[in-house]
N, C-alpha and C. Protein backbone atom coordinates (compact mmCIF):
# COMPACT_ATOMS: atom_id res chain seq x y z
N MET A 1 259.77 218.84 179.69
CA MET A 1 260.17 217.47 179.42
C MET A 1 259.36 216.94 178.23
N ALA A 2 260.02 216.25 177.34
CA ALA A 2 259.36 215.71 176.15
C ALA A 2 258.46 214.53 176.53
N ALA A 3 257.36 214.42 175.81
CA ALA A 3 256.42 213.34 176.07
C ALA A 3 256.83 212.09 175.30
N ILE A 4 256.57 210.96 175.90
CA ILE A 4 256.85 209.68 175.24
C ILE A 4 255.71 209.43 174.26
N ARG A 5 256.04 209.41 172.98
CA ARG A 5 255.02 209.21 171.95
C ARG A 5 254.77 207.74 171.64
N ASN A 6 255.79 206.91 171.88
CA ASN A 6 255.67 205.48 171.56
C ASN A 6 256.11 204.68 172.79
N PRO A 7 255.17 204.40 173.71
CA PRO A 7 255.56 203.73 174.95
C PRO A 7 256.12 202.31 174.74
N LYS A 8 255.67 201.62 173.70
CA LYS A 8 256.21 200.28 173.44
C LYS A 8 257.70 200.34 173.16
N ASP A 9 258.11 201.24 172.28
CA ASP A 9 259.53 201.38 171.97
C ASP A 9 260.31 201.86 173.19
N PHE A 10 259.74 202.79 173.93
CA PHE A 10 260.44 203.32 175.10
C PHE A 10 260.72 202.23 176.12
N TRP A 11 259.71 201.48 176.51
CA TRP A 11 259.89 200.46 177.53
C TRP A 11 260.70 199.27 177.00
N SER A 12 260.61 198.98 175.72
CA SER A 12 261.48 197.96 175.15
C SER A 12 262.94 198.40 175.25
N GLY A 13 263.19 199.67 174.96
CA GLY A 13 264.53 200.21 175.07
C GLY A 13 265.05 200.17 176.49
N VAL A 14 264.21 200.51 177.45
CA VAL A 14 264.61 200.46 178.86
C VAL A 14 264.96 199.03 179.27
N ILE A 15 264.16 198.07 178.83
CA ILE A 15 264.44 196.66 179.16
C ILE A 15 265.74 196.22 178.52
N PHE A 16 265.98 196.58 177.26
CA PHE A 16 267.23 196.22 176.59
C PHE A 16 268.43 196.82 177.32
N VAL A 17 268.32 198.08 177.71
CA VAL A 17 269.42 198.72 178.44
C VAL A 17 269.66 197.99 179.77
N GLY A 18 268.59 197.65 180.47
CA GLY A 18 268.72 196.93 181.74
C GLY A 18 269.40 195.58 181.57
N ILE A 19 268.99 194.82 180.57
CA ILE A 19 269.61 193.52 180.32
C ILE A 19 271.06 193.69 179.89
N GLY A 20 271.33 194.72 179.09
CA GLY A 20 272.71 195.00 178.68
C GLY A 20 273.59 195.34 179.86
N LEU A 21 273.09 196.16 180.78
CA LEU A 21 273.86 196.50 181.98
C LEU A 21 274.12 195.26 182.83
N PHE A 22 273.09 194.42 182.97
CA PHE A 22 273.26 193.17 183.73
C PHE A 22 274.34 192.30 183.08
N ALA A 23 274.32 192.18 181.76
CA ALA A 23 275.31 191.35 181.06
C ALA A 23 276.72 191.89 181.27
N ILE A 24 276.87 193.19 181.25
CA ILE A 24 278.20 193.78 181.45
C ILE A 24 278.67 193.56 182.89
N VAL A 25 277.80 193.81 183.85
CA VAL A 25 278.18 193.63 185.25
C VAL A 25 278.49 192.15 185.52
N TYR A 26 277.65 191.26 185.06
CA TYR A 26 277.87 189.83 185.28
C TYR A 26 279.11 189.35 184.52
N GLY A 27 279.31 189.82 183.32
CA GLY A 27 280.46 189.43 182.52
C GLY A 27 281.77 189.97 183.03
N SER A 28 281.71 191.02 183.87
CA SER A 28 282.96 191.60 184.39
C SER A 28 283.64 190.68 185.39
N LYS A 29 282.97 189.63 185.84
CA LYS A 29 283.58 188.66 186.75
C LYS A 29 284.59 187.78 186.01
N TYR A 30 284.48 187.75 184.70
CA TYR A 30 285.32 186.87 183.88
C TYR A 30 286.34 187.70 183.10
N THR A 31 287.44 187.05 182.71
CA THR A 31 288.46 187.75 181.94
C THR A 31 287.94 188.08 180.55
N LEU A 32 288.33 189.26 180.07
CA LEU A 32 287.85 189.74 178.78
C LEU A 32 288.59 189.09 177.63
N GLY A 33 289.89 189.06 177.68
CA GLY A 33 290.67 188.54 176.56
C GLY A 33 290.75 189.58 175.46
N THR A 34 291.07 189.13 174.25
CA THR A 34 291.15 190.02 173.09
C THR A 34 290.24 189.48 172.01
N ALA A 35 290.12 190.23 170.93
CA ALA A 35 289.29 189.75 169.82
C ALA A 35 289.87 188.48 169.21
N ALA A 36 291.19 188.35 169.24
CA ALA A 36 291.83 187.15 168.69
C ALA A 36 291.74 185.98 169.66
N ARG A 37 291.83 186.25 170.96
CA ARG A 37 291.74 185.21 171.99
C ARG A 37 290.70 185.63 173.02
N MET A 38 289.45 185.36 172.68
CA MET A 38 288.34 185.80 173.53
C MET A 38 288.32 185.02 174.84
N GLY A 39 288.15 185.76 175.92
CA GLY A 39 287.98 185.13 177.21
C GLY A 39 286.51 184.90 177.48
N PRO A 40 286.17 184.27 178.61
CA PRO A 40 284.77 183.98 178.92
C PRO A 40 283.92 185.22 179.15
N GLY A 41 284.53 186.36 179.43
CA GLY A 41 283.77 187.59 179.64
C GLY A 41 283.58 188.42 178.39
N TYR A 42 284.18 188.00 177.29
CA TYR A 42 284.13 188.79 176.06
C TYR A 42 282.72 188.88 175.49
N PHE A 43 282.10 187.73 175.30
CA PHE A 43 280.77 187.71 174.69
C PHE A 43 279.72 188.44 175.52
N PRO A 44 279.63 188.20 176.84
CA PRO A 44 278.63 188.94 177.61
C PRO A 44 278.80 190.46 177.54
N ARG A 45 280.04 190.91 177.56
CA ARG A 45 280.27 192.36 177.52
C ARG A 45 279.93 192.95 176.16
N ILE A 46 280.33 192.29 175.09
CA ILE A 46 280.00 192.79 173.75
C ILE A 46 278.49 192.77 173.55
N LEU A 47 277.85 191.68 173.96
CA LEU A 47 276.39 191.59 173.85
C LEU A 47 275.73 192.69 174.68
N GLY A 48 276.24 192.93 175.89
CA GLY A 48 275.70 193.99 176.74
C GLY A 48 275.82 195.36 176.10
N ILE A 49 276.97 195.63 175.50
CA ILE A 49 277.17 196.92 174.83
C ILE A 49 276.20 197.07 173.67
N LEU A 50 276.03 196.01 172.89
CA LEU A 50 275.10 196.08 171.75
C LEU A 50 273.66 196.26 172.22
N LEU A 51 273.28 195.58 173.31
CA LEU A 51 271.92 195.75 173.84
C LEU A 51 271.70 197.16 174.37
N ILE A 52 272.69 197.73 175.03
CA ILE A 52 272.57 199.11 175.51
C ILE A 52 272.43 200.07 174.34
N LEU A 53 273.22 199.87 173.30
CA LEU A 53 273.15 200.71 172.11
C LEU A 53 271.76 200.61 171.45
N LEU A 54 271.30 199.40 171.25
CA LEU A 54 269.98 199.20 170.64
C LEU A 54 268.88 199.76 171.51
N GLY A 55 268.96 199.53 172.83
CA GLY A 55 267.96 200.05 173.75
C GLY A 55 267.92 201.57 173.77
N THR A 56 269.08 202.17 173.72
CA THR A 56 269.13 203.64 173.70
C THR A 56 268.50 204.18 172.42
N ILE A 57 268.79 203.57 171.30
CA ILE A 57 268.19 204.00 170.02
C ILE A 57 266.68 203.86 170.09
N LEU A 58 266.18 202.74 170.61
CA LEU A 58 264.73 202.55 170.72
C LEU A 58 264.09 203.58 171.64
N ALA A 59 264.72 203.82 172.78
CA ALA A 59 264.14 204.76 173.75
C ALA A 59 264.13 206.19 173.20
N VAL A 60 265.20 206.60 172.55
CA VAL A 60 265.25 207.95 171.97
C VAL A 60 264.23 208.08 170.84
N ARG A 61 264.11 207.02 170.05
CA ARG A 61 263.14 207.01 168.96
C ARG A 61 261.71 207.17 169.46
N ALA A 62 261.45 206.69 170.66
CA ALA A 62 260.11 206.75 171.23
C ALA A 62 259.64 208.18 171.49
N PHE A 63 260.58 209.11 171.57
CA PHE A 63 260.21 210.51 171.77
C PHE A 63 259.88 211.22 170.45
N ARG A 64 260.26 210.60 169.33
CA ARG A 64 260.07 211.23 168.03
C ARG A 64 258.93 210.64 167.22
N LEU A 65 258.74 209.32 167.29
CA LEU A 65 257.74 208.65 166.47
C LEU A 65 256.51 208.29 167.30
N ASN A 66 255.35 208.44 166.69
CA ASN A 66 254.11 208.07 167.36
C ASN A 66 253.91 206.57 167.30
N GLY A 67 253.29 206.05 168.32
CA GLY A 67 253.00 204.62 168.37
C GLY A 67 251.80 204.35 169.25
N PRO A 68 251.32 203.12 169.23
CA PRO A 68 250.14 202.80 170.04
C PRO A 68 250.48 202.75 171.52
N PRO A 69 249.49 202.96 172.38
CA PRO A 69 249.74 202.85 173.82
C PRO A 69 249.99 201.39 174.20
N LEU A 70 250.55 201.18 175.36
CA LEU A 70 250.79 199.83 175.83
C LEU A 70 249.45 199.14 176.09
N PRO A 71 249.31 197.90 175.64
CA PRO A 71 248.07 197.18 175.93
C PRO A 71 248.03 196.77 177.41
N LYS A 72 246.86 196.40 177.87
CA LYS A 72 246.71 195.93 179.24
C LYS A 72 247.49 194.64 179.40
N TRP A 73 248.19 194.48 180.53
CA TRP A 73 249.02 193.30 180.78
C TRP A 73 248.12 192.07 180.91
N LYS A 74 248.50 191.00 180.24
CA LYS A 74 247.75 189.75 180.29
C LYS A 74 248.52 188.75 181.14
N TRP A 75 247.97 188.45 182.31
CA TRP A 75 248.65 187.58 183.26
C TRP A 75 248.57 186.11 182.87
N ARG A 76 247.43 185.69 182.32
CA ARG A 76 247.23 184.27 182.01
C ARG A 76 248.32 183.72 181.08
N PRO A 77 248.58 184.34 179.92
CA PRO A 77 249.64 183.82 179.06
C PRO A 77 251.01 183.84 179.72
N THR A 78 251.28 184.88 180.51
CA THR A 78 252.57 184.97 181.19
C THR A 78 252.76 183.81 182.15
N VAL A 79 251.75 183.54 182.94
CA VAL A 79 251.83 182.45 183.92
C VAL A 79 251.94 181.10 183.22
N ILE A 80 251.18 180.91 182.14
CA ILE A 80 251.23 179.63 181.43
C ILE A 80 252.60 179.38 180.81
N VAL A 81 253.16 180.38 180.15
CA VAL A 81 254.47 180.21 179.50
C VAL A 81 255.56 179.99 180.55
N LEU A 82 255.59 180.82 181.59
CA LEU A 82 256.59 180.64 182.64
C LEU A 82 256.41 179.31 183.37
N GLY A 83 255.17 178.92 183.60
CA GLY A 83 254.89 177.62 184.23
C GLY A 83 255.37 176.47 183.38
N SER A 84 255.21 176.58 182.06
CA SER A 84 255.68 175.53 181.16
C SER A 84 257.19 175.40 181.20
N VAL A 85 257.89 176.52 181.27
CA VAL A 85 259.35 176.50 181.33
C VAL A 85 259.82 175.89 182.65
N VAL A 86 259.17 176.26 183.75
CA VAL A 86 259.52 175.69 185.06
C VAL A 86 259.25 174.18 185.06
N LEU A 87 258.11 173.78 184.53
CA LEU A 87 257.79 172.35 184.44
C LEU A 87 258.83 171.60 183.63
N PHE A 88 259.27 172.19 182.51
CA PHE A 88 260.32 171.58 181.69
C PHE A 88 261.57 171.34 182.53
N GLY A 89 261.99 172.35 183.28
CA GLY A 89 263.18 172.22 184.11
C GLY A 89 263.04 171.16 185.18
N LEU A 90 261.82 170.99 185.70
CA LEU A 90 261.60 170.00 186.74
C LEU A 90 261.57 168.57 186.21
N ILE A 91 261.10 168.38 184.97
CA ILE A 91 260.90 167.01 184.47
C ILE A 91 261.93 166.54 183.46
N VAL A 92 262.82 167.40 182.98
CA VAL A 92 263.72 167.02 181.89
C VAL A 92 264.61 165.84 182.26
N GLN A 93 265.08 165.75 183.49
CA GLN A 93 265.96 164.64 183.89
C GLN A 93 265.20 163.32 183.99
N SER A 94 263.97 163.35 184.44
CA SER A 94 263.22 162.10 184.62
C SER A 94 262.45 161.68 183.37
N VAL A 95 261.97 162.63 182.60
CA VAL A 95 261.14 162.32 181.44
C VAL A 95 261.96 162.28 180.15
N GLY A 96 263.08 162.94 180.14
CA GLY A 96 263.92 162.99 178.94
C GLY A 96 263.67 164.27 178.16
N ILE A 97 264.67 164.66 177.40
CA ILE A 97 264.58 165.94 176.69
C ILE A 97 263.54 165.91 175.57
N ALA A 98 263.36 164.77 174.92
CA ALA A 98 262.42 164.71 173.80
C ALA A 98 260.98 164.94 174.28
N LEU A 99 260.55 164.15 175.24
CA LEU A 99 259.17 164.27 175.71
C LEU A 99 258.93 165.57 176.47
N SER A 100 259.91 166.00 177.27
CA SER A 100 259.72 167.25 178.02
C SER A 100 259.69 168.47 177.09
N THR A 101 260.40 168.41 175.96
CA THR A 101 260.33 169.51 175.00
C THR A 101 258.95 169.57 174.35
N VAL A 102 258.40 168.42 174.01
CA VAL A 102 257.04 168.39 173.44
C VAL A 102 256.05 168.94 174.46
N ILE A 103 256.18 168.54 175.72
CA ILE A 103 255.28 169.05 176.78
C ILE A 103 255.44 170.55 176.93
N LEU A 104 256.67 171.04 176.89
CA LEU A 104 256.93 172.48 176.99
C LEU A 104 256.24 173.24 175.87
N ILE A 105 256.42 172.79 174.63
CA ILE A 105 255.88 173.51 173.48
C ILE A 105 254.36 173.48 173.47
N VAL A 106 253.78 172.32 173.69
CA VAL A 106 252.32 172.21 173.70
C VAL A 106 251.74 173.01 174.87
N GLY A 107 252.37 172.89 176.04
CA GLY A 107 251.88 173.64 177.21
C GLY A 107 251.96 175.14 177.01
N ALA A 108 253.08 175.63 176.52
CA ALA A 108 253.23 177.07 176.31
C ALA A 108 252.32 177.57 175.20
N SER A 109 252.04 176.72 174.22
CA SER A 109 251.15 177.12 173.12
C SER A 109 249.72 177.35 173.57
N THR A 110 249.33 176.71 174.67
CA THR A 110 247.95 176.90 175.15
C THR A 110 247.72 178.32 175.66
N ALA A 111 248.79 179.09 175.84
CA ALA A 111 248.65 180.47 176.29
C ALA A 111 248.05 181.36 175.21
N SER A 112 248.16 180.94 173.96
CA SER A 112 247.65 181.75 172.85
C SER A 112 246.16 181.53 172.65
N SER A 113 245.49 182.59 172.24
CA SER A 113 244.06 182.46 171.92
C SER A 113 243.88 181.73 170.58
N GLU A 114 244.96 181.60 169.83
CA GLU A 114 244.92 180.91 168.54
C GLU A 114 245.49 179.48 168.63
N PHE A 115 245.42 178.87 169.81
CA PHE A 115 245.99 177.55 170.05
C PHE A 115 245.33 176.49 169.16
N ARG A 116 246.18 175.73 168.48
CA ARG A 116 245.73 174.60 167.67
C ARG A 116 246.55 173.39 168.11
N PRO A 117 245.92 172.41 168.73
CA PRO A 117 246.66 171.29 169.31
C PRO A 117 247.54 170.54 168.31
N ARG A 118 247.03 170.28 167.13
CA ARG A 118 247.81 169.52 166.15
C ARG A 118 249.07 170.28 165.71
N GLU A 119 248.92 171.57 165.45
CA GLU A 119 250.08 172.38 165.07
C GLU A 119 251.10 172.47 166.20
N ALA A 120 250.61 172.60 167.43
CA ALA A 120 251.51 172.67 168.58
C ALA A 120 252.26 171.35 168.75
N LEU A 121 251.58 170.24 168.55
CA LEU A 121 252.21 168.93 168.67
C LEU A 121 253.27 168.73 167.60
N ILE A 122 252.96 169.12 166.37
CA ILE A 122 253.94 169.01 165.28
C ILE A 122 255.16 169.88 165.57
N ALA A 123 254.92 171.12 166.00
CA ALA A 123 256.04 172.01 166.35
C ALA A 123 256.84 171.44 167.50
N GLY A 124 256.16 170.86 168.49
CA GLY A 124 256.85 170.26 169.63
C GLY A 124 257.74 169.10 169.22
N ILE A 125 257.24 168.26 168.31
CA ILE A 125 258.03 167.11 167.84
C ILE A 125 259.25 167.59 167.06
N LEU A 126 259.06 168.57 166.19
CA LEU A 126 260.19 169.09 165.42
C LEU A 126 261.24 169.76 166.32
N LEU A 127 260.78 170.54 167.28
CA LEU A 127 261.72 171.19 168.19
C LEU A 127 262.39 170.19 169.13
N ALA A 128 261.68 169.11 169.48
CA ALA A 128 262.30 168.06 170.30
C ALA A 128 263.42 167.38 169.52
N ALA A 129 263.19 167.11 168.25
CA ALA A 129 264.23 166.51 167.41
C ALA A 129 265.43 167.47 167.30
N LEU A 130 265.15 168.75 167.15
CA LEU A 130 266.23 169.74 167.08
C LEU A 130 266.99 169.80 168.41
N ALA A 131 266.26 169.78 169.54
CA ALA A 131 266.91 169.83 170.85
C ALA A 131 267.80 168.60 171.07
N VAL A 132 267.32 167.44 170.69
CA VAL A 132 268.13 166.22 170.82
C VAL A 132 269.37 166.34 169.94
N GLY A 133 269.18 166.80 168.71
CA GLY A 133 270.31 166.93 167.79
C GLY A 133 271.36 167.91 168.27
N VAL A 134 270.91 169.07 168.77
CA VAL A 134 271.86 170.10 169.18
C VAL A 134 272.49 169.78 170.54
N PHE A 135 271.66 169.49 171.53
CA PHE A 135 272.17 169.38 172.89
C PHE A 135 272.74 168.01 173.24
N VAL A 136 272.09 166.95 172.81
CA VAL A 136 272.57 165.62 173.19
C VAL A 136 273.61 165.10 172.20
N ILE A 137 273.31 165.20 170.92
CA ILE A 137 274.25 164.67 169.91
C ILE A 137 275.36 165.67 169.62
N GLY A 138 275.01 166.93 169.35
CA GLY A 138 276.02 167.94 168.99
C GLY A 138 276.89 168.37 170.14
N LEU A 139 276.28 168.83 171.23
CA LEU A 139 277.04 169.34 172.37
C LEU A 139 277.40 168.26 173.39
N LYS A 140 276.86 167.08 173.21
CA LYS A 140 277.14 165.93 174.08
C LYS A 140 276.79 166.20 175.55
N LEU A 141 275.68 166.91 175.79
CA LEU A 141 275.21 167.12 177.16
C LEU A 141 274.66 165.81 177.70
N GLN A 142 274.85 165.59 178.98
CA GLN A 142 274.41 164.35 179.61
C GLN A 142 272.93 164.46 180.00
N LEU A 143 272.07 164.53 179.02
CA LEU A 143 270.63 164.55 179.24
C LEU A 143 270.02 163.29 178.66
N PRO A 144 269.11 162.66 179.38
CA PRO A 144 268.44 161.50 178.80
C PRO A 144 267.51 161.95 177.67
N ILE A 145 267.47 161.15 176.62
CA ILE A 145 266.60 161.49 175.50
C ILE A 145 265.17 161.07 175.81
N TRP A 146 265.00 159.88 176.38
CA TRP A 146 263.68 159.33 176.67
C TRP A 146 263.57 159.02 178.15
N PRO A 147 262.33 158.80 178.64
CA PRO A 147 262.16 158.39 180.03
C PRO A 147 262.81 157.01 180.26
N ALA A 148 263.11 156.70 181.51
CA ALA A 148 263.79 155.45 181.85
C ALA A 148 262.98 154.22 181.41
N PHE A 149 261.65 154.28 181.46
CA PHE A 149 260.86 153.09 181.11
C PHE A 149 260.83 152.81 179.61
N ILE A 150 261.27 153.77 178.77
CA ILE A 150 261.32 153.55 177.33
C ILE A 150 262.71 153.10 176.89
N ARG A 151 263.75 153.56 177.56
CA ARG A 151 265.13 153.26 177.17
C ARG A 151 265.38 151.83 177.21
């Protein structure tokens, strides 16, 4: 059996294939349609096929090219980022999309060892403006922009 020379590429490929398979299985619940008249299952299946193709290429490549070993898993950043996303989901209706997006970005940024509060705040404000523009104004989602006490 051939040895895995690049574990990062190999495991990335395995994850891509897994997500691609999930997209295909989940998308099979919906009608496919045609390229001219795409059904709701068209995009998930095409995306799944592309992910499987990319994942397979990455995994096969891992047997040919040398790469660094996988680093030790860091739990702290994982918990902080996932916790920030969960917090966003819990507070978006009561706090509004603008403020909860800033909280999400600043909170998730603290997971990095290179955290800079001012840069995270600026990025949070810009992404909050983008989120309001895309989701509330563009897509007309029924999300409050600001908390009730500011409106």
